[in-house]
């Protein structure tokens, strides 16, 4: 059976390969495992809570309607870091395609976390579509402004934790020439390096990345993850390194930073604005592609 539903999870198995699967927690609609031919592609903390008591550390948490903490917007400033999508139990809508197996989840202000919707009293309808390909995983989000009175303003981001063999042997390509904001030193910089490499904590937001840029995670010359974006102009690159990992209670093992790298497609450099009754749609596709240096 390609789709299995339990009280708390939905598991998709590819009909052509039983060792290719994706597991989705209804809490946060968080993908916490994606296996290709039996090999895990995502990083998940061994201390991650999968019981709905708190957002999941690892996998692909969903960030909406605010990225980080917003101190300037009158409405969004009331919400905690990363908003309410990852802190709410989504409704499983069911399967919409059998091959590749594809399912949908929904969230709106009526079923979202009431403690958080009390702080942000906007009307919205989210539809998350998860498609499990033979050699790819696609996550698509549709945001509808269900108000008939005012614009809906928000950030969206797929906070994707990719599993890697070793952070010090890993680099990220095809971001050369792009502008990024370094959240650690609070400066905006044009990246002139041929690749992004890692030897310390990294927390940068690449802004308005060319839509045709295919972001690749490369380990010792071999591409291990390819990330494509649709209508998501920004990409966060994050690795907490030693001190930050030690300070996060749900980040385990503390050496886990060596085997993870967050490549997070989103719209976070400013707010998306959707008029009453209108919709906004975006997606990410993670796959295994041949090495493709678009910019050096």
C-alpha atoms as a PDB file:
ATOM      1  CA  UNK A   1       0.000   0.000   0.000  1.00  0.00           C
ATOM      2  CA  UNK A   2       1.524   3.300  -1.134  1.00  0.00           C
ATOM      3  CA  UNK A   3      -0.137   5.452   1.572  1.00  0.00           C
ATOM      4  CA  UNK A   4      -0.359   4.559   5.243  1.00  0.00           C
ATOM      5  CA  UNK A   5      -2.097   6.808   7.777  1.00  0.00           C
ATOM      6  CA  UNK A   6      -1.855   6.563  11.566  1.00  0.00           C
ATOM      7  CA  UNK A   7      -3.227   8.896  14.232  1.00  0.00           C
ATOM      8  CA  UNK A   8      -0.136  11.087  14.052  1.00  0.00           C
ATOM      9  CA  UNK A   9       1.661  10.319  10.770  1.00  0.00           C
ATOM     10  CA  UNK A  10       1.277   9.723   7.053  1.00  0.00           C
ATOM     11  CA  UNK A  11       3.806   7.494   5.296  1.00  0.00           C
ATOM     12  CA  UNK A  12       4.226   7.325   1.517  1.00  0.00           C
ATOM     13  CA  UNK A  13       6.047   4.438  -0.145  1.00  0.00           C
ATOM     14  CA  UNK A  14       6.956   4.552  -3.827  1.00  0.00           C
ATOM     15  CA  UNK A  15       5.131   1.806  -5.765  1.00  0.00           C
ATOM     16  CA  UNK A  16       8.207   1.062  -7.899  1.00  0.00           C
ATOM     17  CA  UNK A  17      10.640   0.857  -4.975  1.00  0.00           C
ATOM     18  CA  UNK A  18       9.521  -0.146  -1.492  1.00  0.00           C
ATOM     19  CA  UNK A  19      12.721   1.279   0.028  1.00  0.00           C
ATOM     20  CA  UNK A  20      11.886   4.811  -1.160  1.00  0.00           C
ATOM     21  CA  UNK A  21       9.556   6.541   1.284  1.00  0.00           C
ATOM     22  CA  UNK A  22       8.626   9.772   3.022  1.00  0.00           C
ATOM     23  CA  UNK A  23       7.162  10.122   6.535  1.00  0.00           C
ATOM     24  CA  UNK A  24       5.102  13.175   7.481  1.00  0.00           C
ATOM     25  CA  UNK A  25       4.009  14.172  10.958  1.00  0.00           C
ATOM     26  CA  UNK A  26       0.523  15.676  11.068  1.00  0.00           C
ATOM     27  CA  UNK A  27       1.807  18.076  13.737  1.00  0.00           C
ATOM     28  CA  UNK A  28       3.376  20.848  11.685  1.00  0.00           C
ATOM     29  CA  UNK A  29       2.872  18.772   8.506  1.00  0.00           C
ATOM     30  CA  UNK A  30       6.585  18.175   9.052  1.00  0.00           C
ATOM     31  CA  UNK A  31       8.427  15.719   6.848  1.00  0.00           C
ATOM     32  CA  UNK A  32      10.821  13.984   9.254  1.00  0.00           C
ATOM     33  CA  UNK A  33      12.172  11.214   7.034  1.00  0.00           C
ATOM     34  CA  UNK A  34      12.838  10.845   3.329  1.00  0.00           C
ATOM     35  CA  UNK A  35      14.564   7.690   2.156  1.00  0.00           C
ATOM     36  CA  UNK A  36      15.826   7.010  -1.343  1.00  0.00           C
ATOM     37  CA  UNK A  37      16.485   3.317  -1.898  1.00  0.00           C
ATOM     38  CA  UNK A  38      16.735   2.876   1.852  1.00  0.00           C
ATOM     39  CA  UNK A  39      19.184   5.739   2.436  1.00  0.00           C
ATOM     40  CA  UNK A  40      18.025   8.634   4.637  1.00  0.00           C
ATOM     41  CA  UNK A  41      18.320  12.031   2.940  1.00  0.00           C
ATOM     42  CA  UNK A  42      17.235  14.312   5.799  1.00  0.00           C
ATOM     43  CA  UNK A  43      18.838  15.008   9.162  1.00  0.00           C
ATOM     44  CA  UNK A  44      16.722  14.529  12.285  1.00  0.00           C
ATOM     45  CA  UNK A  45      17.891  15.242  15.819  1.00  0.00           C
ATOM     46  CA  UNK A  46      17.828  12.177  18.066  1.00  0.00           C
ATOM     47  CA  UNK A  47      16.146  14.475  20.625  1.00  0.00           C
ATOM     48  CA  UNK A  48      13.438  15.654  18.207  1.00  0.00           C
ATOM     49  CA  UNK A  49       9.926  15.459  19.628  1.00  0.00           C
ATOM     50  CA  UNK A  50       7.508  13.574  17.370  1.00  0.00           C
ATOM     51  CA  UNK A  51       4.632  13.639  19.847  1.00  0.00           C
ATOM     52  CA  UNK A  52       3.272  17.093  18.975  1.00  0.00           C
ATOM     53  CA  UNK A  53       4.654  18.723  22.118  1.00  0.00           C
ATOM     54  CA  UNK A  54       6.971  21.086  20.223  1.00  0.00           C
ATOM     55  CA  UNK A  55       8.227  21.776  16.677  1.00  0.00           C
ATOM     56  CA  UNK A  56      10.469  19.106  15.178  1.00  0.00           C
ATOM     57  CA  UNK A  57      14.234  19.687  15.140  1.00  0.00           C
ATOM     58  CA  UNK A  58      15.139  18.367  11.722  1.00  0.00           C
ATOM     59  CA  UNK A  59      13.392  17.155   8.590  1.00  0.00           C
ATOM     60  CA  UNK A  60      11.471  19.912   6.774  1.00  0.00           C
ATOM     61  CA  UNK A  61       9.654  22.221   9.229  1.00  0.00           C
ATOM     62  CA  UNK A  62       7.302  24.751   7.618  1.00  0.00           C
ATOM     63  CA  UNK A  63       7.831  28.416   8.454  1.00  0.00           C
ATOM     64  CA  UNK A  64       4.730  30.645   8.207  1.00  0.00           C
ATOM     65  CA  UNK A  65       3.703  33.466   8.523  1.00  0.00           C
ATOM     66  CA  UNK A  66       6.949  34.885   9.908  1.00  0.00           C
ATOM     67  CA  UNK A  67      10.591  33.937   9.487  1.00  0.00           C
ATOM     68  CA  UNK A  68      12.632  34.435  12.638  1.00  0.00           C
ATOM     69  CA  UNK A  69      11.232  37.186  14.822  1.00  0.00           C
ATOM     70  CA  UNK A  70       9.576  40.199  13.225  1.00  0.00           C
ATOM     71  CA  UNK A  71       9.810  43.376  15.315  1.00  0.00           C
ATOM     72  CA  UNK A  72       8.470  45.850  12.748  1.00  0.00           C
ATOM     73  CA  UNK A  73       5.123  44.500  11.516  1.00  0.00           C
ATOM     74  CA  UNK A  74       2.216  45.335  13.810  1.00  0.00           C
ATOM     75  CA  UNK A  75       0.565  41.929  13.389  1.00  0.00           C
ATOM     76  CA  UNK A  76       3.486  39.549  12.854  1.00  0.00           C
ATOM     77  CA  UNK A  77       5.521  40.967  15.732  1.00  0.00           C
ATOM     78  CA  UNK A  78       3.148  39.296  18.179  1.00  0.00           C
ATOM     79  CA  UNK A  79       4.068  35.804  16.984  1.00  0.00           C
ATOM     80  CA  UNK A  80       6.985  33.689  18.247  1.00  0.00           C
ATOM     81  CA  UNK A  81       9.954  32.845  16.029  1.00  0.00           C
ATOM     82  CA  UNK A  82       8.965  31.095  12.773  1.00  0.00           C
ATOM     83  CA  UNK A  83       5.231  31.576  13.325  1.00  0.00           C
ATOM     84  CA  UNK A  84       2.443  29.015  13.718  1.00  0.00           C
ATOM     85  CA  UNK A  85       2.531  26.437  10.889  1.00  0.00           C
ATOM     86  CA  UNK A  86       5.108  24.178  12.554  1.00  0.00           C
ATOM     87  CA  UNK A  87       3.251  24.465  15.894  1.00  0.00           C
ATOM     88  CA  UNK A  88      -0.169  23.391  14.598  1.00  0.00           C
ATOM     89  CA  UNK A  89      -1.753  20.051  13.725  1.00  0.00           C
ATOM     90  CA  UNK A  90      -2.697  20.002  10.042  1.00  0.00           C
ATOM     91  CA  UNK A  91      -5.653  18.202   8.497  1.00  0.00           C
ATOM     92  CA  UNK A  92      -4.748  15.283   6.237  1.00  0.00           C
ATOM     93  CA  UNK A  93      -6.799  15.721   3.068  1.00  0.00           C
ATOM     94  CA  UNK A  94      -5.766  12.424   1.488  1.00  0.00           C
ATOM     95  CA  UNK A  95      -4.117  11.126  -1.644  1.00  0.00           C
ATOM     96  CA  UNK A  96      -4.471  12.979  -4.957  1.00  0.00           C
ATOM     97  CA  UNK A  97      -2.166  10.855  -7.151  1.00  0.00           C
ATOM     98  CA  UNK A  98      -0.985   7.245  -6.982  1.00  0.00           C
ATOM     99  CA  UNK A  99       2.249   7.395  -8.980  1.00  0.00           C
ATOM    100  CA  UNK A 100       4.224   9.269  -7.967  1.00  0.00           C
ATOM    101  CA  UNK A 101       2.368   9.033  -4.648  1.00  0.00           C
ATOM    102  CA  UNK A 102       1.095  12.493  -3.725  1.00  0.00           C
ATOM    103  CA  UNK A 103      -0.842  13.685  -0.687  1.00  0.00           C
ATOM    104  CA  UNK A 104      -2.194  16.964   0.649  1.00  0.00           C
ATOM    105  CA  UNK A 105      -2.517  18.605   4.066  1.00  0.00           C
ATOM    106  CA  UNK A 106      -4.479  21.721   5.037  1.00  0.00           C
ATOM    107  CA  UNK A 107      -4.275  24.388   7.726  1.00  0.00           C
ATOM    108  CA  UNK A 108      -6.451  27.426   8.365  1.00  0.00           C
ATOM    109  CA  UNK A 109      -7.146  29.807  11.215  1.00  0.00           C
ATOM    110  CA  UNK A 110      -9.991  27.620  12.485  1.00  0.00           C
ATOM    111  CA  UNK A 111      -7.825  24.555  13.189  1.00  0.00           C
ATOM    112  CA  UNK A 112      -4.393  26.139  13.756  1.00  0.00           C
ATOM    113  CA  UNK A 113      -2.850  26.465  17.222  1.00  0.00           C
ATOM    114  CA  UNK A 114      -5.406  28.663  19.073  1.00  0.00           C
ATOM    115  CA  UNK A 115      -2.779  30.249  21.318  1.00  0.00           C
ATOM    116  CA  UNK A 116      -1.058  31.604  18.211  1.00  0.00           C
ATOM    117  CA  UNK A 117      -4.103  32.515  16.119  1.00  0.00           C
ATOM    118  CA  UNK A 118      -5.195  34.600  19.116  1.00  0.00           C
ATOM    119  CA  UNK A 119      -2.034  36.649  18.525  1.00  0.00           C
ATOM    120  CA  UNK A 120      -2.342  36.792  14.728  1.00  0.00           C
ATOM    121  CA  UNK A 121      -6.012  37.069  13.779  1.00  0.00           C
ATOM    122  CA  UNK A 122      -5.711  36.751  10.024  1.00  0.00           C
ATOM    123  CA  UNK A 123      -7.784  34.528   7.752  1.00  0.00           C
ATOM    124  CA  UNK A 124      -5.832  32.061   5.639  1.00  0.00           C
ATOM    125  CA  UNK A 125      -5.964  28.653   4.014  1.00  0.00           C
ATOM    126  CA  UNK A 126      -2.784  26.628   3.427  1.00  0.00           C
ATOM    127  CA  UNK A 127      -2.574  23.553   1.204  1.00  0.00           C
ATOM    128  CA  UNK A 128       0.662  21.554   1.360  1.00  0.00           C
ATOM    129  CA  UNK A 129       1.228  18.995  -1.397  1.00  0.00           C
ATOM    130  CA  UNK A 130       3.924  16.343  -0.936  1.00  0.00           C
ATOM    131  CA  UNK A 131       5.010  14.317  -3.971  1.00  0.00           C
ATOM    132  CA  UNK A 132       7.383  11.357  -3.641  1.00  0.00           C
ATOM    133  CA  UNK A 133       9.228  10.673  -6.880  1.00  0.00           C
ATOM    134  CA  UNK A 134      11.601   7.821  -7.661  1.00  0.00           C
ATOM    135  CA  UNK A 135      14.554  10.140  -7.189  1.00  0.00           C
ATOM    136  CA  UNK A 136      13.051  13.401  -5.915  1.00  0.00           C
ATOM    137  CA  UNK A 137      10.859  14.938  -3.252  1.00  0.00           C
ATOM    138  CA  UNK A 138       8.623  17.889  -4.106  1.00  0.00           C
ATOM    139  CA  UNK A 139       6.876  20.047  -1.527  1.00  0.00           C
ATOM    140  CA  UNK A 140       4.404  22.608  -2.818  1.00  0.00           C
ATOM    141  CA  UNK A 141       2.564  25.242  -0.795  1.00  0.00           C
ATOM    142  CA  UNK A 142      -0.534  27.218  -1.715  1.00  0.00           C
ATOM    143  CA  UNK A 143      -1.493  30.162   0.486  1.00  0.00           C
ATOM    144  CA  UNK A 144      -4.988  31.585   0.055  1.00  0.00           C
ATOM    145  CA  UNK A 145      -6.117  34.849   1.575  1.00  0.00           C
ATOM    146  CA  UNK A 146      -9.617  33.867   2.683  1.00  0.00           C
ATOM    147  CA  UNK A 147     -10.375  37.352   3.971  1.00  0.00           C
ATOM    148  CA  UNK A 148     -12.594  39.592   1.883  1.00  0.00           C
ATOM    149  CA  UNK A 149     -11.331  42.769   3.501  1.00  0.00           C
ATOM    150  CA  UNK A 150      -7.545  43.156   3.508  1.00  0.00           C
ATOM    151  CA  UNK A 151      -4.252  41.898   2.133  1.00  0.00           C
ATOM    152  CA  UNK A 152      -2.557  38.926   3.776  1.00  0.00           C
ATOM    153  CA  UNK A 153       1.137  39.566   4.472  1.00  0.00           C
ATOM    154  CA  UNK A 154       3.541  36.777   5.387  1.00  0.00           C
ATOM    155  CA  UNK A 155       6.861  34.984   4.977  1.00  0.00           C
ATOM    156  CA  UNK A 156       7.153  31.405   3.801  1.00  0.00           C
ATOM    157  CA  UNK A 157      10.138  29.052   4.115  1.00  0.00           C
ATOM    158  CA  UNK A 158      10.898  25.336   3.845  1.00  0.00           C
ATOM    159  CA  UNK A 159      13.398  24.871   6.715  1.00  0.00           C
ATOM    160  CA  UNK A 160      15.060  21.837   5.104  1.00  0.00           C
ATOM    161  CA  UNK A 161      17.692  19.891   7.081  1.00  0.00           C
ATOM    162  CA  UNK A 162      19.765  17.888   4.586  1.00  0.00           C
ATOM    163  CA  UNK A 163      21.877  14.930   5.709  1.00  0.00           C
ATOM    164  CA  UNK A 164      25.519  15.096   4.602  1.00  0.00           C
ATOM    165  CA  UNK A 165      28.599  12.917   5.244  1.00  0.00           C
ATOM    166  CA  UNK A 166      30.868  15.623   6.723  1.00  0.00           C
ATOM    167  CA  UNK A 167      30.346  19.388   6.875  1.00  0.00           C
ATOM    168  CA  UNK A 168      34.038  20.195   6.453  1.00  0.00           C
ATOM    169  CA  UNK A 169      34.156  18.255   3.167  1.00  0.00           C
ATOM    170  CA  UNK A 170      30.911  19.838   1.936  1.00  0.00           C
ATOM    171  CA  UNK A 171      30.317  22.939  -0.157  1.00  0.00           C
ATOM    172  CA  UNK A 172      27.358  24.653  -1.786  1.00  0.00           C
ATOM    173  CA  UNK A 173      27.558  25.774  -5.409  1.00  0.00           C
ATOM    174  CA  UNK A 174      25.827  28.195  -7.773  1.00  0.00           C
ATOM    175  CA  UNK A 175      25.376  31.099  -5.345  1.00  0.00           C
ATOM    176  CA  UNK A 176      28.325  33.104  -6.681  1.00  0.00           C
ATOM    177  CA  UNK A 177      27.444  36.726  -7.393  1.00  0.00           C
ATOM    178  CA  UNK A 178      24.305  36.623  -5.266  1.00  0.00           C
ATOM    179  CA  UNK A 179      23.708  39.065  -2.416  1.00  0.00           C
ATOM    180  CA  UNK A 180      23.342  37.674   1.086  1.00  0.00           C
ATOM    181  CA  UNK A 181      22.610  39.036   4.528  1.00  0.00           C
ATOM    182  CA  UNK A 182      24.852  37.563   7.218  1.00  0.00           C
ATOM    183  CA  UNK A 183      22.706  37.221  10.333  1.00  0.00           C
ATOM    184  CA  UNK A 184      25.747  36.811  12.590  1.00  0.00           C
ATOM    185  CA  UNK A 185      27.580  40.029  11.687  1.00  0.00           C
ATOM    186  CA  UNK A 186      24.457  41.914  10.489  1.00  0.00           C
ATOM    187  CA  UNK A 187      25.938  42.872   7.124  1.00  0.00           C
ATOM    188  CA  UNK A 188      24.816  42.580   3.490  1.00  0.00           C
ATOM    189  CA  UNK A 189      27.494  41.177   1.179  1.00  0.00           C
ATOM    190  CA  UNK A 190      27.851  40.100  -2.457  1.00  0.00           C
ATOM    191  CA  UNK A 191      29.219  36.558  -2.511  1.00  0.00           C
ATOM    192  CA  UNK A 192      32.340  36.482  -4.676  1.00  0.00           C
ATOM    193  CA  UNK A 193      33.489  33.019  -3.660  1.00  0.00           C
ATOM    194  CA  UNK A 194      33.118  30.169  -6.190  1.00  0.00           C
ATOM    195  CA  UNK A 195      31.458  27.970  -3.544  1.00  0.00           C
ATOM    196  CA  UNK A 196      30.178  28.241   0.025  1.00  0.00           C
ATOM    197  CA  UNK A 197      32.413  26.260   2.394  1.00  0.00           C
ATOM    198  CA  UNK A 198      32.087  25.639   6.137  1.00  0.00           C
ATOM    199  CA  UNK A 199      34.534  25.959   9.017  1.00  0.00           C
ATOM    200  CA  UNK A 200      32.421  27.856  11.556  1.00  0.00           C
ATOM    201  CA  UNK A 201      28.805  28.773  12.332  1.00  0.00           C
ATOM    202  CA  UNK A 202      27.016  29.923   9.176  1.00  0.00           C
ATOM    203  CA  UNK A 203      23.674  31.743   9.077  1.00  0.00           C
ATOM    204  CA  UNK A 204      23.126  33.685   5.875  1.00  0.00           C
ATOM    205  CA  UNK A 205      20.109  34.663   3.774  1.00  0.00           C
ATOM    206  CA  UNK A 206      20.737  34.762   0.028  1.00  0.00           C
ATOM    207  CA  UNK A 207      18.257  37.282  -1.344  1.00  0.00           C
ATOM    208  CA  UNK A 208      16.588  37.355  -4.748  1.00  0.00           C
ATOM    209  CA  UNK A 209      18.602  34.428  -6.054  1.00  0.00           C
ATOM    210  CA  UNK A 210      18.237  34.081  -9.828  1.00  0.00           C
ATOM    211  CA  UNK A 211      15.317  31.738 -10.434  1.00  0.00           C
ATOM    212  CA  UNK A 212      17.349  29.536 -12.791  1.00  0.00           C
ATOM    213  CA  UNK A 213      20.114  28.937 -10.226  1.00  0.00           C
ATOM    214  CA  UNK A 214      20.102  25.294  -9.142  1.00  0.00           C
ATOM    215  CA  UNK A 215      21.620  25.034  -5.677  1.00  0.00           C
ATOM    216  CA  UNK A 216      23.808  21.967  -5.238  1.00  0.00           C
ATOM    217  CA  UNK A 217      25.312  20.462  -2.102  1.00  0.00           C
ATOM    218  CA  UNK A 218      28.612  18.859  -3.101  1.00  0.00           C
ATOM    219  CA  UNK A 219      30.735  16.513  -0.994  1.00  0.00           C
ATOM    220  CA  UNK A 220      34.308  15.824  -2.113  1.00  0.00           C
ATOM    221  CA  UNK A 221      33.360  16.692  -5.679  1.00  0.00           C
ATOM    222  CA  UNK A 222      30.194  14.593  -5.732  1.00  0.00           C
ATOM    223  CA  UNK A 223      26.751  16.250  -5.829  1.00  0.00           C
ATOM    224  CA  UNK A 224      24.661  14.772  -3.031  1.00  0.00           C
ATOM    225  CA  UNK A 225      21.638  17.100  -3.049  1.00  0.00           C
ATOM    226  CA  UNK A 226      20.180  19.371  -5.719  1.00  0.00           C
ATOM    227  CA  UNK A 227      17.629  21.988  -4.625  1.00  0.00           C
ATOM    228  CA  UNK A 228      15.361  23.682  -7.156  1.00  0.00           C
ATOM    229  CA  UNK A 229      12.989  26.519  -6.273  1.00  0.00           C
ATOM    230  CA  UNK A 230       9.736  27.747  -7.786  1.00  0.00           C
ATOM    231  CA  UNK A 231       8.597  31.254  -6.783  1.00  0.00           C
ATOM    232  CA  UNK A 232      10.940  31.215  -3.774  1.00  0.00           C
ATOM    233  CA  UNK A 233      13.499  33.997  -4.313  1.00  0.00           C
ATOM    234  CA  UNK A 234      15.520  33.538  -1.128  1.00  0.00           C
ATOM    235  CA  UNK A 235      17.625  30.741   0.310  1.00  0.00           C
ATOM    236  CA  UNK A 236      18.917  30.462   3.866  1.00  0.00           C
ATOM    237  CA  UNK A 237      22.155  28.506   4.377  1.00  0.00           C
ATOM    238  CA  UNK A 238      22.598  27.452   8.005  1.00  0.00           C
ATOM    239  CA  UNK A 239      24.887  25.290  10.086  1.00  0.00           C
ATOM    240  CA  UNK A 240      25.004  25.891  13.852  1.00  0.00           C
ATOM    241  CA  UNK A 241      28.553  24.536  14.358  1.00  0.00           C
ATOM    242  CA  UNK A 242      29.831  23.747  17.863  1.00  0.00           C
ATOM    243  CA  UNK A 243      28.674  26.463  20.295  1.00  0.00           C
ATOM    244  CA  UNK A 244      25.186  26.963  18.853  1.00  0.00           C
ATOM    245  CA  UNK A 245      24.568  23.198  18.773  1.00  0.00           C
ATOM    246  CA  UNK A 246      25.593  22.937  22.428  1.00  0.00           C
ATOM    247  CA  UNK A 247      23.060  25.619  23.367  1.00  0.00           C
ATOM    248  CA  UNK A 248      20.044  23.951  21.724  1.00  0.00           C
ATOM    249  CA  UNK A 249      18.397  21.450  24.058  1.00  0.00           C
ATOM    250  CA  UNK A 250      16.740  19.451  21.277  1.00  0.00           C
ATOM    251  CA  UNK A 251      19.832  19.294  19.051  1.00  0.00           C
ATOM    252  CA  UNK A 252      21.365  15.841  19.515  1.00  0.00           C
ATOM    253  CA  UNK A 253      23.915  14.519  19.233  1.00  0.00           C
ATOM    254  CA  UNK A 254      25.888  17.716  19.829  1.00  0.00           C
ATOM    255  CA  UNK A 255      28.235  16.591  17.062  1.00  0.00           C
ATOM    256  CA  UNK A 256      25.230  16.393  14.717  1.00  0.00           C
ATOM    257  CA  UNK A 257      26.234  19.656  13.037  1.00  0.00           C
ATOM    258  CA  UNK A 258      28.911  17.641  11.205  1.00  0.00           C
ATOM    259  CA  UNK A 259      26.242  15.643   9.368  1.00  0.00           C
ATOM    260  CA  UNK A 260      23.636  18.291   8.571  1.00  0.00           C
ATOM    261  CA  UNK A 261      23.245  21.388   6.454  1.00  0.00           C
ATOM    262  CA  UNK A 262      20.138  23.509   6.123  1.00  0.00           C
ATOM    263  CA  UNK A 263      19.339  24.765   2.624  1.00  0.00           C
ATOM    264  CA  UNK A 264      16.074  26.646   3.105  1.00  0.00           C
ATOM    265  CA  UNK A 265      14.183  28.019   0.087  1.00  0.00           C
ATOM    266  CA  UNK A 266      11.742  30.744   1.035  1.00  0.00           C
ATOM    267  CA  UNK A 267      10.402  34.254   0.623  1.00  0.00           C
ATOM    268  CA  UNK A 268      11.826  36.052   3.648  1.00  0.00           C
ATOM    269  CA  UNK A 269      13.693  39.211   2.561  1.00  0.00           C
ATOM    270  CA  UNK A 270      10.337  40.991   2.533  1.00  0.00           C
ATOM    271  CA  UNK A 271       6.685  40.052   2.968  1.00  0.00           C
ATOM    272  CA  UNK A 272       4.530  38.320   0.376  1.00  0.00           C
ATOM    273  CA  UNK A 273       1.289  40.264  -0.106  1.00  0.00           C
ATOM    274  CA  UNK A 274      -1.829  38.452  -1.300  1.00  0.00           C
ATOM    275  CA  UNK A 275      -5.045  40.352  -2.027  1.00  0.00           C
ATOM    276  CA  UNK A 276      -8.404  39.199  -0.588  1.00  0.00           C
ATOM    277  CA  UNK A 277      -9.612  36.009  -2.251  1.00  0.00           C
ATOM    278  CA  UNK A 278      -6.327  35.474  -4.103  1.00  0.00           C
ATOM    279  CA  UNK A 279      -3.713  32.712  -3.853  1.00  0.00           C
ATOM    280  CA  UNK A 280       0.098  32.442  -3.839  1.00  0.00           C
ATOM    281  CA  UNK A 281       1.949  29.255  -4.699  1.00  0.00           C
ATOM    282  CA  UNK A 282       5.562  28.077  -4.407  1.00  0.00           C
ATOM    283  CA  UNK A 283       7.562  24.862  -4.198  1.00  0.00           C
ATOM    284  CA  UNK A 284      10.912  23.205  -3.663  1.00  0.00           C
ATOM    285  CA  UNK A 285      12.225  20.080  -5.369  1.00  0.00           C
ATOM    286  CA  UNK A 286      15.095  18.103  -3.832  1.00  0.00           C
ATOM    287  CA  UNK A 287      16.716  15.588  -6.147  1.00  0.00           C
ATOM    288  CA  UNK A 288      19.846  13.742  -7.233  1.00  0.00           C
ATOM    289  CA  UNK A 289      21.304  15.479 -10.287  1.00  0.00           C
ATOM    290  CA  UNK A 290      24.639  15.470 -12.079  1.00  0.00           C
ATOM    291  CA  UNK A 291      27.184  18.094 -11.088  1.00  0.00           C
ATOM    292  CA  UNK A 292      26.238  21.399 -12.704  1.00  0.00           C
ATOM    293  CA  UNK A 293      28.381  24.455 -12.058  1.00  0.00           C
ATOM    294  CA  UNK A 294      26.273  27.355 -13.337  1.00  0.00           C
ATOM    295  CA  UNK A 295      28.408  30.080 -11.791  1.00  0.00           C
ATOM    296  CA  UNK A 296      31.985  30.147 -10.509  1.00  0.00           C
END
